[in-house]
Amino acid sequence: WDEVDGLRILNCDPVANIVDSTAAGDSFGGAFVAHLVQGATIEDAAKAAMLVAREVIQYRGALVPEIFKGGE
């Protein structure tokens, strides 16, 4: 985390293979809320959500094949 003008900013490493940004925001939001509901801090929920969004943008479409196995 960095702090700029009183705001906390979560930094992440660049993604080398960006394929499609479809569903990146939805994936971030879903993961963020899911982690909060499970008791995570805002900081930990944001970190987890960032990792999910980083995976999603490396694939075409809204689903990451390794995560989504269909029907699970």
PDB file of N, CA and C in Angstrom:
ATOM      1  N   TRP A   1       0.833  -1.174   0.000  1.00  0.00           N
ATOM      2  CA  TRP A   1       0.000   0.000   0.000  1.00  0.00           C
ATOM      3  C   TRP A   1       0.876   1.235   0.000  1.00  0.00           C
ATOM      4  N   ASP A   2       0.424   2.267  -0.713  1.00  0.00           N
ATOM      5  CA  ASP A   2       1.026   3.589  -0.663  1.00  0.00           C
ATOM      6  C   ASP A   2      -0.034   4.552  -0.163  1.00  0.00           C
ATOM      7  N   GLU A   3       0.411   5.676   0.337  1.00  0.00           N
ATOM      8  CA  GLU A   3      -0.532   6.711   0.741  1.00  0.00           C
ATOM      9  C   GLU A   3      -0.195   7.986  -0.009  1.00  0.00           C
ATOM     10  N   VAL A   4      -1.202   8.529  -0.695  1.00  0.00           N
ATOM     11  CA  VAL A   4      -1.037   9.752  -1.469  1.00  0.00           C
ATOM     12  C   VAL A   4      -2.190  10.682  -1.123  1.00  0.00           C
ATOM     13  N   ASP A   5      -1.867  11.862  -0.656  1.00  0.00           N
ATOM     14  CA  ASP A   5      -2.889  12.856  -0.297  1.00  0.00           C
ATOM     15  C   ASP A   5      -3.955  12.269   0.622  1.00  0.00           C
ATOM     16  N   GLY A   6      -3.533  11.445   1.565  1.00  0.00           N
ATOM     17  CA  GLY A   6      -4.463  10.872   2.524  1.00  0.00           C
ATOM     18  C   GLY A   6      -5.227   9.659   2.023  1.00  0.00           C
ATOM     19  N   LEU A   7      -4.995   9.243   0.780  1.00  0.00           N
ATOM     20  CA  LEU A   7      -5.669   8.073   0.224  1.00  0.00           C
ATOM     21  C   LEU A   7      -4.714   6.886   0.223  1.00  0.00           C
ATOM     22  N   ARG A   8      -5.216   5.719   0.584  1.00  0.00           N
ATOM     23  CA  ARG A   8      -4.401   4.503   0.523  1.00  0.00           C
ATOM     24  C   ARG A   8      -4.577   3.879  -0.851  1.00  0.00           C
ATOM     25  N   ILE A   9      -3.468   3.578  -1.498  1.00  0.00           N
ATOM     26  CA  ILE A   9      -3.487   3.054  -2.859  1.00  0.00           C
ATOM     27  C   ILE A   9      -2.849   1.672  -2.870  1.00  0.00           C
ATOM     28  N   LEU A  10      -3.570   0.701  -3.416  1.00  0.00           N
ATOM     29  CA  LEU A  10      -3.054  -0.657  -3.548  1.00  0.00           C
ATOM     30  C   LEU A  10      -2.300  -0.759  -4.865  1.00  0.00           C
ATOM     31  N   ASN A  11      -1.032  -1.054  -4.783  1.00  0.00           N
ATOM     32  CA  ASN A  11      -0.216  -1.225  -5.984  1.00  0.00           C
ATOM     33  C   ASN A  11      -0.139  -2.700  -6.336  1.00  0.00           C
ATOM     34  N   CYS A  12      -0.020  -2.971  -7.614  1.00  0.00           N
ATOM     35  CA  CYS A  12       0.163  -4.354  -8.044  1.00  0.00           C
ATOM     36  C   CYS A  12       1.184  -4.396  -9.174  1.00  0.00           C
ATOM     37  N   ASP A  13       1.786  -5.547  -9.333  1.00  0.00           N
ATOM     38  CA  ASP A  13       2.741  -5.719 -10.417  1.00  0.00           C
ATOM     39  C   ASP A  13       2.008  -5.683 -11.753  1.00  0.00           C
ATOM     40  N   PRO A  14       2.667  -5.188 -12.792  1.00  0.00           N
ATOM     41  CA  PRO A  14       2.037  -5.167 -14.116  1.00  0.00           C
ATOM     42  C   PRO A  14       1.728  -6.587 -14.598  1.00  0.00           C
ATOM     43  N   VAL A  15       0.685  -6.695 -15.388  1.00  0.00           N
ATOM     44  CA  VAL A  15       0.321  -7.969 -16.003  1.00  0.00           C
ATOM     45  C   VAL A  15       0.898  -7.974 -17.412  1.00  0.00           C
ATOM     46  N   ALA A  16       1.711  -8.957 -17.713  1.00  0.00           N
ATOM     47  CA  ALA A  16       2.397  -9.001 -19.007  1.00  0.00           C
ATOM     48  C   ALA A  16       1.478  -9.408 -20.152  1.00  0.00           C
ATOM     49  N   ASN A  17       0.466 -10.213 -19.863  1.00  0.00           N
ATOM     50  CA  ASN A  17      -0.349 -10.783 -20.924  1.00  0.00           C
ATOM     51  C   ASN A  17      -1.813 -10.378 -20.776  1.00  0.00           C
ATOM     52  N   ILE A  18      -2.125  -9.105 -21.001  1.00  0.00           N
ATOM     53  CA  ILE A  18      -3.513  -8.653 -20.925  1.00  0.00           C
ATOM     54  C   ILE A  18      -4.200  -9.024 -22.230  1.00  0.00           C
ATOM     55  N   VAL A  19      -5.286  -9.804 -22.122  1.00  0.00           N
ATOM     56  CA  VAL A  19      -5.994 -10.291 -23.299  1.00  0.00           C
ATOM     57  C   VAL A  19      -7.329  -9.582 -23.472  1.00  0.00           C
ATOM     58  N   ASP A  20      -8.088  -9.425 -22.380  1.00  0.00           N
ATOM     59  CA  ASP A  20      -9.452  -8.910 -22.479  1.00  0.00           C
ATOM     60  C   ASP A  20      -9.868  -8.391 -21.101  1.00  0.00           C
ATOM     61  N   SER A  21     -10.366  -7.183 -21.041  1.00  0.00           N
ATOM     62  CA  SER A  21     -10.766  -6.618 -19.745  1.00  0.00           C
ATOM     63  C   SER A  21     -12.218  -6.921 -19.381  1.00  0.00           C
ATOM     64  N   THR A  22     -12.907  -7.707 -20.217  1.00  0.00           N
ATOM     65  CA  THR A  22     -14.290  -8.070 -19.930  1.00  0.00           C
ATOM     66  C   THR A  22     -14.393  -8.701 -18.543  1.00  0.00           C
ATOM     67  N   ALA A  23     -15.276  -8.183 -17.733  1.00  0.00           N
ATOM     68  CA  ALA A  23     -15.604  -8.704 -16.398  1.00  0.00           C
ATOM     69  C   ALA A  23     -14.536  -8.456 -15.342  1.00  0.00           C
ATOM     70  N   ALA A  24     -13.509  -7.689 -15.650  1.00  0.00           N
ATOM     71  CA  ALA A  24     -12.478  -7.414 -14.639  1.00  0.00           C
ATOM     72  C   ALA A  24     -13.070  -6.676 -13.442  1.00  0.00           C
ATOM     73  N   GLY A  25     -13.870  -5.671 -13.697  1.00  0.00           N
ATOM     74  CA  GLY A  25     -14.482  -4.908 -12.608  1.00  0.00           C
ATOM     75  C   GLY A  25     -15.491  -5.724 -11.822  1.00  0.00           C
ATOM     76  N   ASP A  26     -16.313  -6.489 -12.533  1.00  0.00           N
ATOM     77  CA  ASP A  26     -17.285  -7.349 -11.854  1.00  0.00           C
ATOM     78  C   ASP A  26     -16.585  -8.404 -11.009  1.00  0.00           C
ATOM     79  N   SER A  27     -15.517  -8.963 -11.545  1.00  0.00           N
ATOM     80  CA  SER A  27     -14.757  -9.973 -10.801  1.00  0.00           C
ATOM     81  C   SER A  27     -14.128  -9.370  -9.556  1.00  0.00           C
ATOM     82  N   PHE A  28     -13.575  -8.169  -9.701  1.00  0.00           N
ATOM     83  CA  PHE A  28     -12.997  -7.481  -8.551  1.00  0.00           C
ATOM     84  C   PHE A  28     -14.077  -7.255  -7.496  1.00  0.00           C
ATOM     85  N   GLY A  29     -15.211  -6.701  -7.924  1.00  0.00           N
ATOM     86  CA  GLY A  29     -16.293  -6.400  -6.982  1.00  0.00           C
ATOM     87  C   GLY A  29     -16.825  -7.632  -6.278  1.00  0.00           C
ATOM     88  N   GLY A  30     -17.024  -8.702  -7.030  1.00  0.00           N
ATOM     89  CA  GLY A  30     -17.529  -9.940  -6.446  1.00  0.00           C
ATOM     90  C   GLY A  30     -16.565 -10.536  -5.436  1.00  0.00           C
ATOM     91  N   ALA A  31     -15.291 -10.567  -5.799  1.00  0.00           N
ATOM     92  CA  ALA A  31     -14.283 -11.114  -4.884  1.00  0.00           C
ATOM     93  C   ALA A  31     -14.142 -10.239  -3.644  1.00  0.00           C
ATOM     94  N   PHE A  32     -14.202  -8.924  -3.835  1.00  0.00           N
ATOM     95  CA  PHE A  32     -14.075  -7.991  -2.715  1.00  0.00           C
ATOM     96  C   PHE A  32     -15.197  -8.215  -1.701  1.00  0.00           C
ATOM     97  N   VAL A  33     -16.429  -8.239  -2.186  1.00  0.00           N
ATOM     98  CA  VAL A  33     -17.579  -8.428  -1.295  1.00  0.00           C
ATOM     99  C   VAL A  33     -17.544  -9.817  -0.653  1.00  0.00           C
ATOM    100  N   ALA A  34     -17.206 -10.839  -1.435  1.00  0.00           N
ATOM    101  CA  ALA A  34     -17.147 -12.198  -0.885  1.00  0.00           C
ATOM    102  C   ALA A  34     -16.152 -12.280   0.268  1.00  0.00           C
ATOM    103  N   HIS A  35     -15.011 -11.646   0.114  1.00  0.00           N
ATOM    104  CA  HIS A  35     -14.016 -11.677   1.191  1.00  0.00           C
ATOM    105  C   HIS A  35     -14.474 -10.865   2.406  1.00  0.00           C
ATOM    106  N   LEU A  36     -15.125  -9.730   2.176  1.00  0.00           N
ATOM    107  CA  LEU A  36     -15.644  -8.950   3.307  1.00  0.00           C
ATOM    108  C   LEU A  36     -16.674  -9.749   4.096  1.00  0.00           C
ATOM    109  N   VAL A  37     -17.580 -10.416   3.385  1.00  0.00           N
ATOM    110  CA  VAL A  37     -18.618 -11.216   4.037  1.00  0.00           C
ATOM    111  C   VAL A  37     -18.000 -12.336   4.869  1.00  0.00           C
ATOM    112  N   GLN A  38     -16.858 -12.838   4.423  1.00  0.00           N
ATOM    113  CA  GLN A  38     -16.178 -13.906   5.153  1.00  0.00           C
ATOM    114  C   GLN A  38     -15.306 -13.376   6.287  1.00  0.00           C
ATOM    115  N   GLY A  39     -15.334 -12.048   6.505  1.00  0.00           N
ATOM    116  CA  GLY A  39     -14.635 -11.471   7.644  1.00  0.00           C
ATOM    117  C   GLY A  39     -13.285 -10.849   7.354  1.00  0.00           C
ATOM    118  N   ALA A  40     -12.910 -10.742   6.088  1.00  0.00           N
ATOM    119  CA  ALA A  40     -11.618 -10.134   5.743  1.00  0.00           C
ATOM    120  C   ALA A  40     -11.646  -8.634   6.024  1.00  0.00           C
ATOM    121  N   THR A  41     -10.477  -8.070   6.267  1.00  0.00           N
ATOM    122  CA  THR A  41     -10.373  -6.616   6.377  1.00  0.00           C
ATOM    123  C   THR A  41     -10.539  -6.012   4.985  1.00  0.00           C
ATOM    124  N   ILE A  42     -10.789  -4.724   4.930  1.00  0.00           N
ATOM    125  CA  ILE A  42     -10.902  -4.050   3.637  1.00  0.00           C
ATOM    126  C   ILE A  42      -9.611  -4.221   2.844  1.00  0.00           C
ATOM    127  N   GLU A  43      -8.484  -4.102   3.519  1.00  0.00           N
ATOM    128  CA  GLU A  43      -7.194  -4.236   2.836  1.00  0.00           C
ATOM    129  C   GLU A  43      -7.011  -5.635   2.261  1.00  0.00           C
ATOM    130  N   ASP A  44      -7.304  -6.655   3.056  1.00  0.00           N
ATOM    131  CA  ASP A  44      -7.144  -8.028   2.579  1.00  0.00           C
ATOM    132  C   ASP A  44      -8.145  -8.357   1.475  1.00  0.00           C
ATOM    133  N   ALA A  45      -9.373  -7.852   1.600  1.00  0.00           N
ATOM    134  CA  ALA A  45     -10.375  -8.076   0.559  1.00  0.00           C
ATOM    135  C   ALA A  45      -9.946  -7.419  -0.752  1.00  0.00           C
ATOM    136  N   ALA A  46      -9.383  -6.226  -0.664  1.00  0.00           N
ATOM    137  CA  ALA A  46      -8.916  -5.533  -1.870  1.00  0.00           C
ATOM    138  C   ALA A  46      -7.763  -6.283  -2.526  1.00  0.00           C
ATOM    139  N   LYS A  47      -6.845  -6.803  -1.725  1.00  0.00           N
ATOM    140  CA  LYS A  47      -5.719  -7.571  -2.278  1.00  0.00           C
ATOM    141  C   LYS A  47      -6.216  -8.828  -2.983  1.00  0.00           C
ATOM    142  N   ALA A  48      -7.133  -9.541  -2.351  1.00  0.00           N
ATOM    143  CA  ALA A  48      -7.671 -10.762  -2.954  1.00  0.00           C
ATOM    144  C   ALA A  48      -8.432 -10.445  -4.236  1.00  0.00           C
ATOM    145  N   ALA A  49      -9.224  -9.386  -4.213  1.00  0.00           N
ATOM    146  CA  ALA A  49      -9.992  -8.991  -5.388  1.00  0.00           C
ATOM    147  C   ALA A  49      -9.076  -8.588  -6.537  1.00  0.00           C
ATOM    148  N   MET A  50      -7.988  -7.915  -6.218  1.00  0.00           N
ATOM    149  CA  MET A  50      -7.021  -7.528  -7.241  1.00  0.00           C
ATOM    150  C   MET A  50      -6.425  -8.762  -7.901  1.00  0.00           C
ATOM    151  N   LEU A  51      -6.127  -9.780  -7.117  1.00  0.00           N
ATOM    152  CA  LEU A  51      -5.561 -11.006  -7.683  1.00  0.00           C
ATOM    153  C   LEU A  51      -6.547 -11.698  -8.622  1.00  0.00           C
ATOM    154  N   VAL A  52      -7.825 -11.699  -8.262  1.00  0.00           N
ATOM    155  CA  VAL A  52      -8.841 -12.293  -9.133  1.00  0.00           C
ATOM    156  C   VAL A  52      -8.942 -11.507 -10.439  1.00  0.00           C
ATOM    157  N   ALA A  53      -9.018 -10.193 -10.349  1.00  0.00           N
ATOM    158  CA  ALA A  53      -9.114  -9.362 -11.554  1.00  0.00           C
ATOM    159  C   ALA A  53      -7.880  -9.531 -12.439  1.00  0.00           C
ATOM    160  N   ARG A  54      -6.709  -9.662 -11.826  1.00  0.00           N
ATOM    161  CA  ARG A  54      -5.471  -9.882 -12.598  1.00  0.00           C
ATOM    162  C   ARG A  54      -5.550 -11.176 -13.408  1.00  0.00           C
ATOM    163  N   GLU A  55      -6.166 -12.200 -12.852  1.00  0.00           N
ATOM    164  CA  GLU A  55      -6.319 -13.462 -13.590  1.00  0.00           C
ATOM    165  C   GLU A  55      -7.314 -13.307 -14.732  1.00  0.00           C
ATOM    166  N   VAL A  56      -8.449 -12.670 -14.446  1.00  0.00           N
ATOM    167  CA  VAL A  56      -9.519 -12.540 -15.433  1.00  0.00           C
ATOM    168  C   VAL A  56      -9.035 -11.829 -16.700  1.00  0.00           C
ATOM    169  N   ILE A  57      -8.228 -10.794 -16.566  1.00  0.00           N
ATOM    170  CA  ILE A  57      -7.812 -10.027 -17.749  1.00  0.00           C
ATOM    171  C   ILE A  57      -6.800 -10.769 -18.620  1.00  0.00           C
ATOM    172  N   GLN A  58      -6.355 -11.924 -18.178  1.00  0.00           N
ATOM    173  CA  GLN A  58      -5.403 -12.696 -18.971  1.00  0.00           C
ATOM    174  C   GLN A  58      -6.078 -13.728 -19.878  1.00  0.00           C
ATOM    175  N   TYR A  59      -7.418 -13.713 -19.906  1.00  0.00           N
ATOM    176  CA  TYR A  59      -8.178 -14.659 -20.723  1.00  0.00           C
ATOM    177  C   TYR A  59      -9.258 -13.914 -21.495  1.00  0.00           C
ATOM    178  N   ARG A  60      -9.657 -14.472 -22.623  1.00  0.00           N
ATOM    179  CA  ARG A  60     -10.753 -13.905 -23.403  1.00  0.00           C
ATOM    180  C   ARG A  60     -12.075 -14.266 -22.728  1.00  0.00           C
ATOM    181  N   GLY A  61     -12.943 -13.276 -22.611  1.00  0.00           N
ATOM    182  CA  GLY A  61     -14.245 -13.509 -22.002  1.00  0.00           C
ATOM    183  C   GLY A  61     -14.223 -13.281 -20.501  1.00  0.00           C
ATOM    184  N   ALA A  62     -15.308 -13.706 -19.868  1.00  0.00           N
ATOM    185  CA  ALA A  62     -15.510 -13.379 -18.461  1.00  0.00           C
ATOM    186  C   ALA A  62     -15.064 -14.461 -17.485  1.00  0.00           C
ATOM    187  N   LEU A  63     -14.650 -15.620 -17.968  1.00  0.00           N
ATOM    188  CA  LEU A  63     -14.318 -16.721 -17.069  1.00  0.00           C
ATOM    189  C   LEU A  63     -12.874 -17.163 -17.242  1.00  0.00           C
ATOM    190  N   VAL A  64     -12.246 -17.507 -16.147  1.00  0.00           N
ATOM    191  CA  VAL A  64     -10.883 -18.041 -16.170  1.00  0.00           C
ATOM    192  C   VAL A  64     -11.014 -19.564 -16.165  1.00  0.00           C
ATOM    193  N   PRO A  65     -10.558 -20.237 -17.216  1.00  0.00           N
ATOM    194  CA  PRO A  65     -10.760 -21.690 -17.312  1.00  0.00           C
ATOM    195  C   PRO A  65     -10.270 -22.477 -16.100  1.00  0.00           C
ATOM    196  N   GLU A  66      -9.145 -22.098 -15.511  1.00  0.00           N
ATOM    197  CA  GLU A  66      -8.611 -22.844 -14.377  1.00  0.00           C
ATOM    198  C   GLU A  66      -9.443 -22.671 -13.110  1.00  0.00           C
ATOM    199  N   ILE A  67     -10.184 -21.577 -13.028  1.00  0.00           N
ATOM    200  CA  ILE A  67     -10.998 -21.315 -11.840  1.00  0.00           C
ATOM    201  C   ILE A  67     -12.405 -21.873 -12.018  1.00  0.00           C
ATOM    202  N   PHE A  68     -13.010 -21.611 -13.188  1.00  0.00           N
ATOM    203  CA  PHE A  68     -14.393 -22.015 -13.439  1.00  0.00           C
ATOM    204  C   PHE A  68     -14.411 -23.367 -14.130  1.00  0.00           C
ATOM    205  N   LYS A  69     -15.002 -24.339 -13.492  1.00  0.00           N
ATOM    206  CA  LYS A  69     -15.056 -25.689 -14.054  1.00  0.00           C
ATOM    207  C   LYS A  69     -16.456 -26.030 -14.554  1.00  0.00           C
ATOM    208  N   GLY A  70     -17.349 -25.037 -14.610  1.00  0.00           N
ATOM    209  CA  GLY A  70     -18.704 -25.270 -15.102  1.00  0.00           C
ATOM    210  C   GLY A  70     -19.523 -26.120 -14.143  1.00  0.00           C
ATOM    211  N   GLY A  71     -20.568 -25.546 -13.602  1.00  0.00           N
ATOM    212  CA  GLY A  71     -21.455 -26.274 -12.719  1.00  0.00           C
ATOM    213  C   GLY A  71     -20.962 -26.427 -11.293  1.00  0.00           C
ATOM    214  N   GLU A  72     -19.772 -25.951 -11.018  1.00  0.00           N
ATOM    215  CA  GLU A  72     -19.251 -26.067  -9.651  1.00  0.00           C
ATOM    216  C   GLU A  72     -19.577 -24.834  -8.860  1.00  0.00           C
TER     217      GLU A  72
END
